[in-house]
């Protein structure tokens, strides 16, 4: 059955691929995106594109309403793909930059949880997927700000899964390691950094964006109904293995 999905941060590399997969399934897809130039092809295929900031409550509320209106059953799923990164030790980071990382990653995720969840409660069913990071559960040098934000997302996901367990909502997250995206490229600035990063990963390779999108697609459409409150660690074994 065709359903309606909202992707917050839909112009991200992973968001574009996830939208493509959902459209291929015949679903209605709404993208909340700042960079609408990147969504033109998806819009031509029938995706609804809402331009705006994921930290603007009015914008997110409007995007949720528009997505819910796409199908009689309302909003079936939401993926939050907004992210940023700032790699500096605490003594070299000012409080404004720290707060910006928290706002972009964690506060926007909470806003999507609040408004998306409220819409799904009307139908009594729905799935939400959030984006964490290997830094949320694995101590990485100079990652204090992003670790705080992503660790917060993981804790929020577990709490929300409990809050809404009896009300038909399933809440999960993916926690990728380094991934070949525009955001990942800001970290992998040189061959030496790339080599060192790969050396930390048991599988000795960096994620591809489509692998993260496939996992989110499964959580939104194919995961069993009893799968909730979980963090999928898509990090090549980095957070769990030593090799």
Protein backbone atom coordinates (compact mmCIF):
# COMPACT_ATOMS: atom_id res chain seq x y z
CA UNK A 1 0.00 0.00 0.00
CA UNK A 2 1.27 3.46 -0.90
CA UNK A 3 2.11 5.55 2.15
CA UNK A 4 3.32 9.07 2.91
CA UNK A 5 6.81 9.81 4.22
CA UNK A 6 8.53 13.02 5.30
CA UNK A 7 12.31 13.41 5.06
CA UNK A 8 13.65 16.28 7.17
CA UNK A 9 16.96 17.27 5.67
CA UNK A 10 15.89 15.79 2.36
CA UNK A 11 18.61 17.47 0.28
CA UNK A 12 21.39 15.59 2.08
CA UNK A 13 23.20 12.89 0.13
CA UNK A 14 21.53 10.14 2.15
CA UNK A 15 18.17 11.90 2.02
CA UNK A 16 18.23 12.07 -1.77
CA UNK A 17 18.92 8.34 -2.04
CA UNK A 18 16.29 7.45 0.56
CA UNK A 19 13.72 9.56 -1.29
CA UNK A 20 14.61 7.78 -4.52
CA UNK A 21 14.01 4.38 -2.89
CA UNK A 22 10.65 5.42 -1.45
CA UNK A 23 9.50 6.90 -4.75
CA UNK A 24 10.52 3.69 -6.52
CA UNK A 25 8.21 1.86 -4.11
CA UNK A 26 5.33 4.11 -5.17
CA UNK A 27 5.11 6.06 -1.91
CA UNK A 28 4.37 9.76 -1.52
CA UNK A 29 7.53 11.60 -0.43
CA UNK A 30 7.77 15.08 1.07
CA UNK A 31 11.20 16.66 1.45
CA UNK A 32 11.95 19.47 3.88
CA UNK A 33 15.15 20.91 2.48
CA UNK A 34 17.21 24.09 2.50
CA UNK A 35 18.99 23.35 -0.80
CA UNK A 36 16.09 22.79 -3.18
CA UNK A 37 18.36 22.84 -6.23
CA UNK A 38 19.50 19.36 -5.20
CA UNK A 39 15.91 18.06 -5.09
CA UNK A 40 14.82 19.14 -8.59
CA UNK A 41 15.00 15.65 -10.10
CA UNK A 42 12.97 14.17 -7.25
CA UNK A 43 10.42 16.96 -7.54
CA UNK A 44 10.07 16.16 -11.25
CA UNK A 45 9.26 12.58 -10.26
CA UNK A 46 6.46 13.68 -7.94
CA UNK A 47 8.14 14.43 -4.62
CA UNK A 48 6.72 17.40 -2.73
CA UNK A 49 9.51 19.80 -1.76
CA UNK A 50 9.19 22.26 1.12
CA UNK A 51 12.00 24.77 1.43
CA UNK A 52 12.95 25.81 4.93
CA UNK A 53 14.97 25.35 8.10
CA UNK A 54 14.49 22.24 10.26
CA UNK A 55 14.90 24.46 13.34
CA UNK A 56 11.90 26.61 12.41
CA UNK A 57 8.93 25.10 14.24
CA UNK A 58 6.42 26.71 11.89
CA UNK A 59 8.20 25.35 8.83
CA UNK A 60 8.44 21.83 10.25
CA UNK A 61 4.81 21.90 11.34
CA UNK A 62 3.79 22.95 7.83
CA UNK A 63 5.90 20.22 6.22
CA UNK A 64 4.36 17.60 8.51
CA UNK A 65 0.86 18.81 7.62
CA UNK A 66 1.59 18.76 3.90
CA UNK A 67 3.07 15.27 4.12
CA UNK A 68 0.10 14.01 6.12
CA UNK A 69 -2.29 15.41 3.52
CA UNK A 70 -0.66 13.33 0.76
CA UNK A 71 -2.48 10.17 1.84
CA UNK A 72 -5.84 9.57 3.52
CA UNK A 73 -4.11 7.52 6.24
CA UNK A 74 -1.91 10.50 7.14
CA UNK A 75 1.82 10.50 7.80
CA UNK A 76 3.29 6.98 7.92
CA UNK A 77 6.94 7.71 8.53
CA UNK A 78 9.56 10.37 9.13
CA UNK A 79 13.32 10.34 8.73
CA UNK A 80 15.50 13.04 10.27
CA UNK A 81 18.69 13.55 8.25
CA UNK A 82 19.89 16.97 9.43
CA UNK A 83 23.47 17.05 10.60
CA UNK A 84 26.66 18.99 11.07
CA UNK A 85 30.07 18.38 12.54
CA UNK A 86 32.75 20.47 14.26
CA UNK A 87 35.92 18.65 15.27
CA UNK A 88 37.79 20.68 17.86
CA UNK A 89 38.80 19.91 21.46
CA UNK A 90 36.71 21.65 24.12
CA UNK A 91 39.42 24.14 25.04
CA UNK A 92 39.51 25.34 21.42
CA UNK A 93 35.75 25.59 20.83
CA UNK A 94 33.68 28.58 21.77
CA UNK A 95 30.28 28.09 23.34
CA UNK A 96 28.46 29.48 20.29
CA UNK A 97 29.94 26.79 18.04
CA UNK A 98 29.07 24.10 20.58
CA UNK A 99 25.50 25.34 20.83
CA UNK A 100 25.23 25.41 17.03
CA UNK A 101 26.16 21.71 16.87
CA UNK A 102 23.56 20.88 19.53
CA UNK A 103 20.89 22.97 17.84
CA UNK A 104 21.49 21.62 14.33
CA UNK A 105 21.66 17.96 15.34
CA UNK A 106 19.72 17.44 18.56
CA UNK A 107 17.22 20.29 18.79
CA UNK A 108 16.07 19.82 15.19
CA UNK A 109 15.68 16.09 15.87
CA UNK A 110 13.50 16.80 18.92
CA UNK A 111 11.35 19.17 16.86
CA UNK A 112 10.81 16.47 14.23
CA UNK A 113 10.01 13.94 16.96
CA UNK A 114 7.52 16.29 18.59
CA UNK A 115 5.64 17.37 15.48
CA UNK A 116 5.97 14.17 13.45
CA UNK A 117 4.96 12.06 16.42
CA UNK A 118 1.93 14.23 17.12
CA UNK A 119 0.71 13.76 13.55
CA UNK A 120 1.21 9.99 13.67
CA UNK A 121 -0.69 9.66 16.95
CA UNK A 122 -3.83 10.65 15.04
CA UNK A 123 -3.66 7.49 12.95
CA UNK A 124 -2.25 5.32 15.73
CA UNK A 125 0.69 4.08 13.70
CA UNK A 126 3.96 5.38 12.33
CA UNK A 127 7.72 5.00 12.17
CA UNK A 128 10.44 7.53 12.88
CA UNK A 129 14.14 7.17 12.13
CA UNK A 130 16.87 9.48 13.39
CA UNK A 131 20.53 9.86 12.46
CA UNK A 132 23.15 9.38 15.13
CA UNK A 133 26.87 8.66 14.62
CA UNK A 134 29.56 6.27 15.77
CA UNK A 135 30.67 9.22 17.92
CA UNK A 136 27.48 8.82 19.98
CA UNK A 137 28.75 5.62 21.60
CA UNK A 138 32.47 5.45 20.84
CA UNK A 139 35.06 7.84 22.24
CA UNK A 140 36.69 9.72 19.37
CA UNK A 141 39.30 12.44 19.75
CA UNK A 142 38.01 16.02 19.29
CA UNK A 143 34.41 14.83 18.88
CA UNK A 144 33.02 16.19 22.17
CA UNK A 145 30.38 18.46 20.62
CA UNK A 146 29.05 16.00 18.08
CA UNK A 147 29.26 13.18 20.65
CA UNK A 148 27.06 15.20 23.01
CA UNK A 149 24.53 15.88 20.25
CA UNK A 150 24.41 12.36 18.84
CA UNK A 151 24.49 10.71 22.27
CA UNK A 152 21.50 12.88 23.07
CA UNK A 153 19.70 11.65 19.98
CA UNK A 154 20.28 8.02 20.95
CA UNK A 155 18.97 8.61 24.48
CA UNK A 156 15.99 10.53 23.06
CA UNK A 157 15.18 7.66 20.67
CA UNK A 158 15.13 5.11 23.48
CA UNK A 159 12.91 7.31 25.66
CA UNK A 160 10.51 8.10 22.80
CA UNK A 161 10.29 4.42 21.86
CA UNK A 162 9.11 3.76 25.41
CA UNK A 163 6.74 6.73 25.52
CA UNK A 164 4.96 5.72 22.32
CA UNK A 165 5.30 1.92 22.47
CA UNK A 166 1.63 1.45 23.33
CA UNK A 167 0.44 4.08 20.87
CA UNK A 168 1.61 2.51 17.62
CA UNK A 169 4.80 4.48 17.02
CA UNK A 170 8.17 2.85 16.39
CA UNK A 171 11.26 4.98 16.95
CA UNK A 172 14.79 3.96 15.94
CA UNK A 173 18.09 5.44 14.79
CA UNK A 174 21.03 4.65 12.58
CA UNK A 175 24.55 5.42 13.78
CA UNK A 176 26.93 5.50 10.81
CA UNK A 177 30.66 5.77 10.88
CA UNK A 178 32.41 7.88 8.25
CA UNK A 179 30.38 7.92 5.05
CA UNK A 180 31.11 9.09 1.52
CA UNK A 181 28.96 12.23 1.60
CA UNK A 182 29.51 15.97 1.41
CA UNK A 183 29.62 16.08 5.22
CA UNK A 184 32.05 13.18 5.34
CA UNK A 185 34.30 14.91 2.82
CA UNK A 186 34.77 17.76 5.31
CA UNK A 187 36.46 15.26 7.64
CA UNK A 188 38.36 13.27 5.01
CA UNK A 189 40.41 16.24 3.90
CA UNK A 190 43.55 14.37 2.90
CA UNK A 191 44.81 10.93 1.92
CA UNK A 192 46.59 10.67 5.28
CA UNK A 193 43.38 11.34 7.23
CA UNK A 194 41.46 8.89 5.06
CA UNK A 195 44.09 6.19 5.59
CA UNK A 196 44.11 6.74 9.35
CA UNK A 197 40.31 6.68 9.46
CA UNK A 198 40.06 3.46 7.46
CA UNK A 199 42.67 1.92 9.76
CA UNK A 200 40.30 2.33 12.73
CA UNK A 201 37.50 0.37 11.03
CA UNK A 202 37.55 -3.44 11.32
CA UNK A 203 36.09 -3.82 7.82
CA UNK A 204 38.71 -1.37 6.48
CA UNK A 205 36.36 0.70 4.38
CA UNK A 206 34.21 3.79 4.59
CA UNK A 207 30.41 3.63 4.29
CA UNK A 208 28.63 4.40 1.06
CA UNK A 209 25.63 6.72 1.30
CA UNK A 210 23.28 4.17 -0.27
CA UNK A 211 24.04 1.72 2.57
CA UNK A 212 22.75 4.18 5.14
CA UNK A 213 19.74 5.01 2.97
CA UNK A 214 18.92 1.31 2.57
CA UNK A 215 19.00 0.80 6.33
CA UNK A 216 16.70 3.77 6.92
CA UNK A 217 14.40 2.52 4.18
CA UNK A 218 14.16 -0.83 5.97
CA UNK A 219 13.40 0.82 9.29
CA UNK A 220 10.63 2.89 7.68
CA UNK A 221 9.05 0.18 5.57
CA UNK A 222 10.29 -3.33 6.26
CA UNK A 223 11.36 -3.70 9.88
CA UNK A 224 9.15 -5.91 12.07
CA UNK A 225 6.61 -4.17 14.25
CA UNK A 226 8.46 -5.20 17.44
CA UNK A 227 11.66 -3.39 16.39
CA UNK A 228 11.82 -0.14 18.36
CA UNK A 229 14.20 1.81 20.56
CA UNK A 230 17.16 0.42 18.63
CA UNK A 231 20.36 1.98 17.30
CA UNK A 232 21.70 0.37 14.12
CA UNK A 233 25.48 0.75 14.22
CA UNK A 234 26.53 1.10 10.59
CA UNK A 235 30.22 1.62 11.28
CA UNK A 236 32.02 -1.42 9.89
CA UNK A 237 32.26 -2.89 13.38
CA UNK A 238 34.12 0.11 14.77
CA UNK A 239 32.01 0.57 17.90
CA UNK A 240 31.79 -3.12 18.79
CA UNK A 241 34.90 -4.90 17.51
CA UNK A 242 38.63 -4.80 18.01
CA UNK A 243 40.82 -6.14 15.27
